[in-house]
PDB file of N, CA and C in Angstrom:
ATOM      1  N   PRO A   1     112.422 150.689 114.255  1.00  0.00           N
ATOM      2  CA  PRO A   1     113.041 149.594 114.944  1.00  0.00           C
ATOM      3  C   PRO A   1     113.446 148.503 114.024  1.00  0.00           C
ATOM      4  N   SER A   2     114.623 147.991 113.932  1.00  0.00           N
ATOM      5  CA  SER A   2     115.027 146.805 113.039  1.00  0.00           C
ATOM      6  C   SER A   2     114.711 145.559 113.696  1.00  0.00           C
ATOM      7  N   LEU A   3     114.275 144.593 112.839  1.00  0.00           N
ATOM      8  CA  LEU A   3     113.993 143.284 113.260  1.00  0.00           C
ATOM      9  C   LEU A   3     115.178 142.359 113.151  1.00  0.00           C
ATOM     10  N   SER A   4     115.583 141.701 114.186  1.00  0.00           N
ATOM     11  CA  SER A   4     116.632 140.740 113.991  1.00  0.00           C
ATOM     12  C   SER A   4     116.235 139.450 113.503  1.00  0.00           C
ATOM     13  N   PRO A   5     117.194 138.689 112.659  1.00  0.00           N
ATOM     14  CA  PRO A   5     116.720 137.481 112.030  1.00  0.00           C
ATOM     15  C   PRO A   5     116.418 136.486 113.153  1.00  0.00           C
ATOM     16  N   PRO A   6     115.514 135.631 112.817  1.00  0.00           N
ATOM     17  CA  PRO A   6     115.233 134.416 113.815  1.00  0.00           C
ATOM     18  C   PRO A   6     116.466 133.677 114.116  1.00  0.00           C
ATOM     19  N   PRO A   7     116.650 133.126 115.322  1.00  0.00           N
ATOM     20  CA  PRO A   7     117.730 132.275 115.509  1.00  0.00           C
ATOM     21  C   PRO A   7     117.786 131.136 114.683  1.00  0.00           C
ATOM     22  N   SER A   8     118.968 130.748 114.328  1.00  0.00           N
ATOM     23  CA  SER A   8     119.080 129.586 113.403  1.00  0.00           C
ATOM     24  C   SER A   8     119.975 128.444 114.027  1.00  0.00           C
ATOM     25  N   TYR A   9     119.488 127.272 114.082  1.00  0.00           N
ATOM     26  CA  TYR A   9     120.275 126.171 114.568  1.00  0.00           C
ATOM     27  C   TYR A   9     120.830 125.300 113.518  1.00  0.00           C
ATOM     28  N   GLN A  10     122.070 125.307 113.300  1.00  0.00           N
ATOM     29  CA  GLN A  10     122.725 124.626 112.114  1.00  0.00           C
ATOM     30  C   GLN A  10     123.139 123.286 112.466  1.00  0.00           C
ATOM     31  N   CYS A  11     122.999 122.294 111.603  1.00  0.00           N
ATOM     32  CA  CYS A  11     123.421 120.915 111.568  1.00  0.00           C
ATOM     33  C   CYS A  11     125.022 121.007 111.463  1.00  0.00           C
ATOM     34  N   THR A  12     125.709 120.279 112.285  1.00  0.00           N
ATOM     35  CA  THR A  12     127.159 120.325 112.252  1.00  0.00           C
ATOM     36  C   THR A  12     127.637 119.024 111.570  1.00  0.00           C
ATOM     37  N   PHE A  13     126.870 118.240 111.162  1.00  0.00           N
ATOM     38  CA  PHE A  13     127.413 117.032 110.443  1.00  0.00           C
ATOM     39  C   PHE A  13     127.911 117.350 109.217  1.00  0.00           C
ATOM     40  N   THR A  14     128.945 116.685 108.747  1.00  0.00           N
ATOM     41  CA  THR A  14     129.704 117.058 107.494  1.00  0.00           C
ATOM     42  C   THR A  14     128.714 116.923 106.393  1.00  0.00           C
ATOM     43  N   ASN A  15     128.836 117.871 105.453  1.00  0.00           N
ATOM     44  CA  ASN A  15     128.144 118.025 104.223  1.00  0.00           C
ATOM     45  C   ASN A  15     126.548 118.213 104.444  1.00  0.00           C
ATOM     46  N   CYS A  16     126.123 118.449 105.659  1.00  0.00           N
ATOM     47  CA  CYS A  16     124.726 118.675 105.842  1.00  0.00           C
ATOM     48  C   CYS A  16     124.334 120.268 106.078  1.00  0.00           C
ATOM     49  N   LEU A  17     123.636 120.806 105.271  1.00  0.00           N
ATOM     50  CA  LEU A  17     123.430 122.279 105.320  1.00  0.00           C
ATOM     51  C   LEU A  17     122.145 122.606 105.816  1.00  0.00           C
ATOM     52  N   LYS A  18     121.476 121.717 106.561  1.00  0.00           N
ATOM     53  CA  LYS A  18     120.180 121.965 107.168  1.00  0.00           C
ATOM     54  C   LYS A  18     120.362 122.920 108.290  1.00  0.00           C
ATOM     55  N   ALA A  19     119.339 123.828 108.479  1.00  0.00           N
ATOM     56  CA  ALA A  19     119.237 124.734 109.679  1.00  0.00           C
ATOM     57  C   ALA A  19     117.761 124.782 110.054  1.00  0.00           C
ATOM     58  N   PHE A  20     117.578 124.989 111.362  1.00  0.00           N
ATOM     59  CA  PHE A  20     116.268 124.964 111.953  1.00  0.00           C
ATOM     60  C   PHE A  20     115.927 126.198 112.752  1.00  0.00           C
ATOM     61  N   LYS A  21     114.677 126.526 112.752  1.00  0.00           N
ATOM     62  CA  LYS A  21     114.356 127.728 113.610  1.00  0.00           C
ATOM     63  C   LYS A  21     114.397 127.325 115.257  1.00  0.00           C
ATOM     64  N   LYS A  22     114.123 126.116 115.363  1.00  0.00           N
ATOM     65  CA  LYS A  22     114.025 125.594 116.889  1.00  0.00           C
ATOM     66  C   LYS A  22     115.053 124.659 117.180  1.00  0.00           C
ATOM     67  N   LEU A  23     115.555 124.539 118.290  1.00  0.00           N
ATOM     68  CA  LEU A  23     116.598 123.746 118.793  1.00  0.00           C
ATOM     69  C   LEU A  23     116.099 122.181 118.737  1.00  0.00           C
ATOM     70  N   SER A  24     114.851 122.123 119.126  1.00  0.00           N
ATOM     71  CA  SER A  24     114.051 120.809 119.146  1.00  0.00           C
ATOM     72  C   SER A  24     113.992 120.111 117.774  1.00  0.00           C
ATOM     73  N   GLN A  25     113.900 121.089 116.738  1.00  0.00           N
ATOM     74  CA  GLN A  25     113.829 120.492 115.372  1.00  0.00           C
ATOM     75  C   GLN A  25     115.350 119.968 115.035  1.00  0.00           C
ATOM     76  N   LEU A  26     116.444 120.669 115.400  1.00  0.00           N
ATOM     77  CA  LEU A  26     117.756 120.311 115.090  1.00  0.00           C
ATOM     78  C   LEU A  26     117.945 118.968 115.693  1.00  0.00           C
ATOM     79  N   GLN A  27     117.489 118.765 117.049  1.00  0.00           N
ATOM     80  CA  GLN A  27     117.762 117.560 117.775  1.00  0.00           C
ATOM     81  C   GLN A  27     117.071 116.376 117.136  1.00  0.00           C
ATOM     82  N   THR A  28     115.812 116.597 116.688  1.00  0.00           N
ATOM     83  CA  THR A  28     115.154 115.529 115.876  1.00  0.00           C
ATOM     84  C   THR A  28     115.886 115.122 114.640  1.00  0.00           C
ATOM     85  N   HIS A  29     116.294 116.144 113.858  1.00  0.00           N
ATOM     86  CA  HIS A  29     117.031 115.981 112.669  1.00  0.00           C
ATOM     87  C   HIS A  29     118.400 115.231 112.929  1.00  0.00           C
ATOM     88  N   THR A  30     119.013 115.551 113.999  1.00  0.00           N
ATOM     89  CA  THR A  30     120.269 114.958 114.259  1.00  0.00           C
ATOM     90  C   THR A  30     120.120 113.476 114.413  1.00  0.00           C
ATOM     91  N   ARG A  31     119.041 112.966 114.918  1.00  0.00           N
ATOM     92  CA  ARG A  31     118.785 111.555 115.079  1.00  0.00           C
ATOM     93  C   ARG A  31     118.976 110.750 113.690  1.00  0.00           C
ATOM     94  N   MET A  32     118.646 111.529 112.683  1.00  0.00           N
ATOM     95  CA  MET A  32     118.817 111.071 111.271  1.00  0.00           C
ATOM     96  C   MET A  32     120.308 110.562 110.973  1.00  0.00           C
ATOM     97  N   HIS A  33     121.169 111.380 111.533  1.00  0.00           N
ATOM     98  CA  HIS A  33     122.532 111.086 111.337  1.00  0.00           C
ATOM     99  C   HIS A  33     123.112 110.111 112.269  1.00  0.00           C
ATOM    100  N   THR A  34     122.669 110.114 113.484  1.00  0.00           N
ATOM    101  CA  THR A  34     123.239 109.320 114.575  1.00  0.00           C
ATOM    102  C   THR A  34     122.641 107.829 114.711  1.00  0.00           C
ATOM    103  N   GLY A  35     121.281 107.843 114.136  1.00  0.00           N
ATOM    104  CA  GLY A  35     120.660 106.503 114.174  1.00  0.00           C
ATOM    105  C   GLY A  35     119.853 106.357 115.593  1.00  0.00           C
ATOM    106  N   GLU A  36     119.933 107.386 116.412  1.00  0.00           N
ATOM    107  CA  GLU A  36     119.260 107.225 117.702  1.00  0.00           C
ATOM    108  C   GLU A  36     117.716 106.992 117.449  1.00  0.00           C
ATOM    109  N   ARG A  37     117.114 106.168 118.165  1.00  0.00           N
ATOM    110  CA  ARG A  37     115.681 105.808 118.213  1.00  0.00           C
ATOM    111  C   ARG A  37     115.212 105.661 119.577  1.00  0.00           C
ATOM    112  N   PRO A  38     114.893 106.890 120.169  1.00  0.00           N
ATOM    113  CA  PRO A  38     114.497 106.910 121.627  1.00  0.00           C
ATOM    114  C   PRO A  38     113.091 106.561 121.960  1.00  0.00           C
ATOM    115  N   TYR A  39     112.280 106.302 120.880  1.00  0.00           N
ATOM    116  CA  TYR A  39     110.753 105.983 121.167  1.00  0.00           C
ATOM    117  C   TYR A  39     110.477 104.465 120.783  1.00  0.00           C
ATOM    118  N   PRO A  40     110.441 103.684 121.931  1.00  0.00           N
ATOM    119  CA  PRO A  40     110.210 102.211 121.675  1.00  0.00           C
ATOM    120  C   PRO A  40     108.599 101.939 121.576  1.00  0.00           C
ATOM    121  N   CYS A  41     108.312 101.060 120.735  1.00  0.00           N
ATOM    122  CA  CYS A  41     106.899 100.708 120.725  1.00  0.00           C
ATOM    123  C   CYS A  41     106.515  99.815 122.038  1.00  0.00           C
ATOM    124  N   PRO A  42     105.432 100.265 122.654  1.00  0.00           N
ATOM    125  CA  PRO A  42     105.175  99.552 124.014  1.00  0.00           C
ATOM    126  C   PRO A  42     104.451  98.278 123.825  1.00  0.00           C
ATOM    127  N   TRP A  43     104.042  97.886 122.564  1.00  0.00           N
ATOM    128  CA  TRP A  43     103.347  96.717 122.311  1.00  0.00           C
ATOM    129  C   TRP A  43     104.187  95.519 122.688  1.00  0.00           C
ATOM    130  N   PRO A  44     103.702  94.563 123.496  1.00  0.00           N
ATOM    131  CA  PRO A  44     104.512  93.467 123.961  1.00  0.00           C
ATOM    132  C   PRO A  44     105.214  92.758 122.728  1.00  0.00           C
ATOM    133  N   GLU A  45     106.517  92.506 122.897  1.00  0.00           N
ATOM    134  CA  GLU A  45     107.323  91.662 121.991  1.00  0.00           C
ATOM    135  C   GLU A  45     107.452  92.419 120.704  1.00  0.00           C
ATOM    136  N   CYS A  46     107.128  93.679 120.417  1.00  0.00           N
ATOM    137  CA  CYS A  46     107.283  94.288 119.123  1.00  0.00           C
ATOM    138  C   CYS A  46     108.621  94.673 118.756  1.00  0.00           C
ATOM    139  N   GLY A  47     109.297  95.336 119.676  1.00  0.00           N
ATOM    140  CA  GLY A  47     110.799  95.617 119.560  1.00  0.00           C
ATOM    141  C   GLY A  47     111.066  96.844 118.598  1.00  0.00           C
ATOM    142  N   TRP A  48     110.113  97.317 117.851  1.00  0.00           N
ATOM    143  CA  TRP A  48     110.447  98.503 116.959  1.00  0.00           C
ATOM    144  C   TRP A  48     110.691  99.617 117.900  1.00  0.00           C
ATOM    145  N   ARG A  49     111.638 100.511 117.209  1.00  0.00           N
ATOM    146  CA  ARG A  49     112.004 101.870 117.890  1.00  0.00           C
ATOM    147  C   ARG A  49     111.992 102.917 116.792  1.00  0.00           C
ATOM    148  N   PHE A  50     111.771 104.155 117.331  1.00  0.00           N
ATOM    149  CA  PHE A  50     111.581 105.213 116.260  1.00  0.00           C
ATOM    150  C   PHE A  50     112.302 106.496 116.688  1.00  0.00           C
ATOM    151  N   ALA A  51     112.787 107.237 115.716  1.00  0.00           N
ATOM    152  CA  ALA A  51     113.461 108.453 115.925  1.00  0.00           C
ATOM    153  C   ALA A  51     112.615 109.628 116.338  1.00  0.00           C
ATOM    154  N   ARG A  52     111.408 109.529 115.870  1.00  0.00           N
ATOM    155  CA  ARG A  52     110.368 110.659 116.092  1.00  0.00           C
ATOM    156  C   ARG A  52     109.008 110.030 116.745  1.00  0.00           C
ATOM    157  N   SER A  53     108.410 110.759 117.645  1.00  0.00           N
ATOM    158  CA  SER A  53     107.183 110.346 118.499  1.00  0.00           C
ATOM    159  C   SER A  53     106.078 110.154 117.368  1.00  0.00           C
ATOM    160  N   ASP A  54     106.016 110.936 116.315  1.00  0.00           N
ATOM    161  CA  ASP A  54     104.896 110.738 115.419  1.00  0.00           C
ATOM    162  C   ASP A  54     105.159 109.474 114.560  1.00  0.00           C
ATOM    163  N   GLU A  55     106.160 109.056 114.364  1.00  0.00           N
ATOM    164  CA  GLU A  55     106.463 107.735 113.753  1.00  0.00           C
ATOM    165  C   GLU A  55     106.019 106.720 114.579  1.00  0.00           C
ATOM    166  N   LEU A  56     106.268 106.700 115.835  1.00  0.00           N
ATOM    167  CA  LEU A  56     105.653 105.611 116.853  1.00  0.00           C
ATOM    168  C   LEU A  56     104.175 105.777 116.955  1.00  0.00           C
ATOM    169  N   THR A  57     103.576 106.883 116.893  1.00  0.00           N
ATOM    170  CA  THR A  57     102.009 107.013 116.836  1.00  0.00           C
ATOM    171  C   THR A  57     101.446 106.340 115.655  1.00  0.00           C
ATOM    172  N   ARG A  58     102.181 106.578 114.440  1.00  0.00           N
ATOM    173  CA  ARG A  58     101.615 105.989 113.330  1.00  0.00           C
ATOM    174  C   ARG A  58     101.771 104.554 113.314  1.00  0.00           C
ATOM    175  N   HIS A  59     102.945 104.109 113.732  1.00  0.00           N
ATOM    176  CA  HIS A  59     103.171 102.579 113.819  1.00  0.00           C
ATOM    177  C   HIS A  59     102.251 101.840 114.782  1.00  0.00           C
ATOM    178  N   TYR A  60     101.962 102.500 115.962  1.00  0.00           N
ATOM    179  CA  TYR A  60     101.094 101.846 116.996  1.00  0.00           C
ATOM    180  C   TYR A  60      99.763 101.505 116.404  1.00  0.00           C
ATOM    181  N   ARG A  61      99.267 102.249 115.591  1.00  0.00           N
ATOM    182  CA  ARG A  61      97.977 102.070 114.917  1.00  0.00           C
ATOM    183  C   ARG A  61      97.849 100.662 114.235  1.00  0.00           C
ATOM    184  N   LYS A  62      99.020 100.132 113.857  1.00  0.00           N
ATOM    185  CA  LYS A  62      99.025  98.795 113.279  1.00  0.00           C
ATOM    186  C   LYS A  62      98.571  97.809 114.338  1.00  0.00           C
ATOM    187  N   HIS A  63      99.004  98.017 115.486  1.00  0.00           N
ATOM    188  CA  HIS A  63      98.627  97.103 116.741  1.00  0.00           C
ATOM    189  C   HIS A  63      97.288  97.437 117.261  1.00  0.00           C
ATOM    190  N   SER A  64      96.854  98.677 117.401  1.00  0.00           N
ATOM    191  CA  SER A  64      95.623  99.093 118.083  1.00  0.00           C
ATOM    192  C   SER A  64      94.442  98.970 117.062  1.00  0.00           C
ATOM    193  N   GLY A  65      94.792  99.028 115.744  1.00  0.00           N
ATOM    194  CA  GLY A  65      93.542  98.990 114.862  1.00  0.00           C
ATOM    195  C   GLY A  65      92.932 100.323 114.683  1.00  0.00           C
ATOM    196  N   ASP A  66      93.407 101.369 115.410  1.00  0.00           N
ATOM    197  CA  ASP A  66      92.826 102.654 115.233  1.00  0.00           C
ATOM    198  C   ASP A  66      92.908 103.229 113.823  1.00  0.00           C
ATOM    199  N   ARG A  67      91.842 103.652 113.347  1.00  0.00           N
ATOM    200  CA  ARG A  67      91.753 104.240 111.995  1.00  0.00           C
ATOM    201  C   ARG A  67      90.882 105.533 112.019  1.00  0.00           C
ATOM    202  N   PRO A  68      91.657 106.598 112.381  1.00  0.00           N
ATOM    203  CA  PRO A  68      90.972 107.802 112.678  1.00  0.00           C
ATOM    204  C   PRO A  68      90.611 108.750 111.540  1.00  0.00           C
ATOM    205  N   TYR A  69      91.093 108.388 110.370  1.00  0.00           N
ATOM    206  CA  TYR A  69      90.794 109.168 109.151  1.00  0.00           C
ATOM    207  C   TYR A  69      89.779 108.549 108.314  1.00  0.00           C
ATOM    208  N   VAL A  70      88.672 109.347 108.112  1.00  0.00           N
ATOM    209  CA  VAL A  70      87.415 108.826 107.567  1.00  0.00           C
ATOM    210  C   VAL A  70      87.114 109.567 106.237  1.00  0.00           C
ATOM    211  N   CYS A  71      86.950 108.815 105.254  1.00  0.00           N
ATOM    212  CA  CYS A  71      86.550 109.429 103.830  1.00  0.00           C
ATOM    213  C   CYS A  71      85.114 110.041 104.080  1.00  0.00           C
ATOM    214  N   GLY A  72      84.986 111.322 103.630  1.00  0.00           N
ATOM    215  CA  GLY A  72      83.699 112.029 103.795  1.00  0.00           C
ATOM    216  C   GLY A  72      82.789 111.651 102.737  1.00  0.00           C
ATOM    217  N   VAL A  73      83.101 110.896 101.692  1.00  0.00           N
ATOM    218  CA  VAL A  73      82.411 110.458 100.637  1.00  0.00           C
ATOM    219  C   VAL A  73      81.740 109.140 100.865  1.00  0.00           C
ATOM    220  N   CYS A  74      82.497 108.102 101.131  1.00  0.00           N
ATOM    221  CA  CYS A  74      82.151 106.678 101.294  1.00  0.00           C
ATOM    222  C   CYS A  74      82.157 106.142 102.733  1.00  0.00           C
ATOM    223  N   GLY A  75      82.837 106.911 103.692  1.00  0.00           N
ATOM    224  CA  GLY A  75      82.993 106.412 105.011  1.00  0.00           C
ATOM    225  C   GLY A  75      84.054 105.373 105.216  1.00  0.00           C
ATOM    226  N   ARG A  76      84.889 105.114 104.262  1.00  0.00           N
ATOM    227  CA  ARG A  76      85.960 104.262 104.582  1.00  0.00           C
ATOM    228  C   ARG A  76      87.021 104.855 105.417  1.00  0.00           C
ATOM    229  N   THR A  77      87.558 103.984 106.348  1.00  0.00           N
ATOM    230  CA  THR A  77      88.477 104.502 107.292  1.00  0.00           C
ATOM    231  C   THR A  77      89.909 104.094 106.995  1.00  0.00           C
ATOM    232  N   PHE A  78      90.857 104.919 107.593  1.00  0.00           N
ATOM    233  CA  PHE A  78      92.274 104.672 107.151  1.00  0.00           C
ATOM    234  C   PHE A  78      93.133 105.111 108.483  1.00  0.00           C
ATOM    235  N   ALA A  79      94.188 104.404 108.781  1.00  0.00           N
ATOM    236  CA  ALA A  79      95.034 104.573 109.814  1.00  0.00           C
ATOM    237  C   ALA A  79      95.940 105.737 109.530  1.00  0.00           C
ATOM    238  N   ARG A  80      96.263 106.092 108.186  1.00  0.00           N
ATOM    239  CA  ARG A  80      97.069 107.203 107.912  1.00  0.00           C
ATOM    240  C   ARG A  80      96.491 108.187 106.987  1.00  0.00           C
ATOM    241  N   SER A  81      96.739 109.429 107.338  1.00  0.00           N
ATOM    242  CA  SER A  81      96.209 110.530 106.511  1.00  0.00           C
ATOM    243  C   SER A  81      96.601 110.484 105.163  1.00  0.00           C
ATOM    244  N   ASP A  82      97.809 110.000 104.740  1.00  0.00           N
ATOM    245  CA  ASP A  82      98.149 110.055 103.357  1.00  0.00           C
ATOM    246  C   ASP A  82      97.517 108.946 102.681  1.00  0.00           C
ATOM    247  N   HIS A  83      97.019 107.923 103.250  1.00  0.00           N
ATOM    248  CA  HIS A  83      96.301 106.898 102.688  1.00  0.00           C
ATOM    249  C   HIS A  83      94.910 107.356 102.312  1.00  0.00           C
ATOM    250  N   LEU A  84      94.311 108.194 103.244  1.00  0.00           N
ATOM    251  CA  LEU A  84      92.953 108.801 102.933  1.00  0.00           C
ATOM    252  C   LEU A  84      93.142 109.731 101.779  1.00  0.00           C
ATOM    253  N   LYS A  85      94.151 110.562 101.709  1.00  0.00           N
ATOM    254  CA  LYS A  85      94.302 111.411 100.640  1.00  0.00           C
ATOM    255  C   LYS A  85      94.458 110.675  99.279  1.00  0.00           C
ATOM    256  N   LEU A  86      95.290 109.607  99.226  1.00  0.00           N
ATOM    257  CA  LEU A  86      95.286 108.842  98.026  1.00  0.00           C
ATOM    258  C   LEU A  86      93.889 108.224  97.586  1.00  0.00           C
ATOM    259  N   HIS A  87      93.240 107.742  98.590  1.00  0.00           N
ATOM    260  CA  HIS A  87      91.966 107.150  98.378  1.00  0.00           C
ATOM    261  C   HIS A  87      90.917 108.177  97.932  1.00  0.00           C
ATOM    262  N   SER A  88      91.016 109.420  98.440  1.00  0.00           N
ATOM    263  CA  SER A  88      90.075 110.472  98.083  1.00  0.00           C
ATOM    264  C   SER A  88      90.157 110.756  96.599  1.00  0.00           C
ATOM    265  N   LYS A  89      91.208 110.575  95.984  1.00  0.00           N
ATOM    266  CA  LYS A  89      91.387 110.896  94.494  1.00  0.00           C
ATOM    267  C   LYS A  89      90.580 110.032  93.603  1.00  0.00           C
ATOM    268  N   ARG A  90      90.128 108.738  94.152  1.00  0.00           N
ATOM    269  CA  ARG A  90      89.202 107.822  93.509  1.00  0.00           C
ATOM    270  C   ARG A  90      87.850 108.388  93.296  1.00  0.00           C
ATOM    271  N   HIS A  91      87.461 109.410  94.095  1.00  0.00           N
ATOM    272  CA  HIS A  91      86.044 109.962  94.151  1.00  0.00           C
ATOM    273  C   HIS A  91      85.972 111.128  93.092  1.00  0.00           C
ATOM    274  N   VAL A  92      87.139 111.561  92.630  1.00  0.00           N
ATOM    275  CA  VAL A  92      87.070 112.780  91.711  1.00  0.00           C
ATOM    276  C   VAL A  92      86.677 112.431  90.421  1.00  0.00           C
TER     277      VAL A  92
END
C-alpha cells in the first residue's frame, strides 16, 4: 500500500512560500501578513492585542507576576522559558 503525502496548506500571499500541515497553522501564519490581532489583553486599560494566543499568555505574565520557570540550580524564577535557558548558561 502506498502512502499519500500529508495535506499541505500553502500561503497564498505574494512571494511567500510557506506551507503547513494543518489549516490552523496556516491561519495563524496568515495573521503575520494581515496584521490581525484577535487576542486582546484582558488587563484593565492595557490595550495590547496579539496575533497568537501564546503571545498573549507570555505578555499577561507581566501583569500577573507569574514566574513559572524555575532554575534547578539556584531557584531563581522567570516568566519566560527562554530567559531561564539564558540564565542556566551561567551555571555551566
